Amino acid sequence: MDFLQPATWSEALALRAERPDALPLAGGTDVMVDLTFDRRRPAALLDLTRVPDLQEWALEGDRVRLGAGVPYARVLTELAGRLPGLAIAARTVGSPQIRTRGTVGGNLGSASPAGDAHPPLLAAGAEVELASAARGTRRLPVADFFTGPKRSALAADELIAAVLVPVAAGPQQFCKVGTRNAMVIAVTSVAVALHPDRRAVGTGIGSAAPTPRRAPKAEQLVAEELDWAGRTALDDGLAAEFGHRVAAAAAPIDDVRGSAAYRRHALAVMARRALTWAWDDLRRAA
């Protein structure tokens, strides 16, 4: 197995074009598990940990451009105020050691339906920035990035450069069910983001379909029914219906971590709670 270690972004893209068989290595928290259990034996590893461009984040208007190599630990310490949903999800990722190594870009690259970063990115309306030495840079909505279980729109000569996440205009929440709060693959998860500036609600569902996905019918229901002007208390029936519609948007399966029926039930409960918590936070901020 060859080990490629570029020192610059341009060198990384050139190596990616030259060696499309090389497996990109960001934090290594997923890759090393696959190597250890012999799930993968790539011809080469493309180590991106020495590329400074990937380690930075910056504000671009009303969005955070989060470099693909920024670890979860820095999301928690530096971006919790701007990206609260992603920060809440980051707290549930593994142990402190894993959060120091693992990256949002690496989570996207794995394209697992159970990735903890995916639901809050969907709820926030994030975009993924992809780059190729030959074709330049393109951006696409994170909802279009996932094409199947552990498959994505990433071309063979492309690398994930960054993810662009709108700065939160309102409260955000993330909930996850597993055998414990952290260091576990989610049985299912859900994120909710309130966008009071445009009277909209975003959702993200994880580990309950072939790909992470949104719940558009649930979003439309509460966006139309919430009292955005007066911010009166959330109606219990509306919250429950929101939960049912989130669960209906999923397409879970039975596996060793849980049944499809349990996943749907958990999604309905978590979505109701997440919406209630977020709306209560918005009311308190008024």
Foldseek 3Di string as FASTA:
>chain_A
DAEAEDQEPLVLLVVLVVCLQAAEDALCPVVVVCVVVVVDDTPYHYYPPNYVLQCDWDDDDQKIWHRQRHFLVCCQVPPCQFQVAQNQLSVQEADPVCRRRHGPNVLLQQQALQRSNFWSLQFQFKWWWKQHSVPGIDIDTSQQQRDFHSDGPHDSSIGTGTMIGGGAPFDKHKDFDAPDRHPGRGCKMKMWGANLVVLWIGMWIGNFARGIHTQVVLGVQCSVVQPSPVLDADDLVNLLVSLQSRLVVGHHDDDPGHHNVVRSVVSSVNSSVRVNVRSVRRVVVD
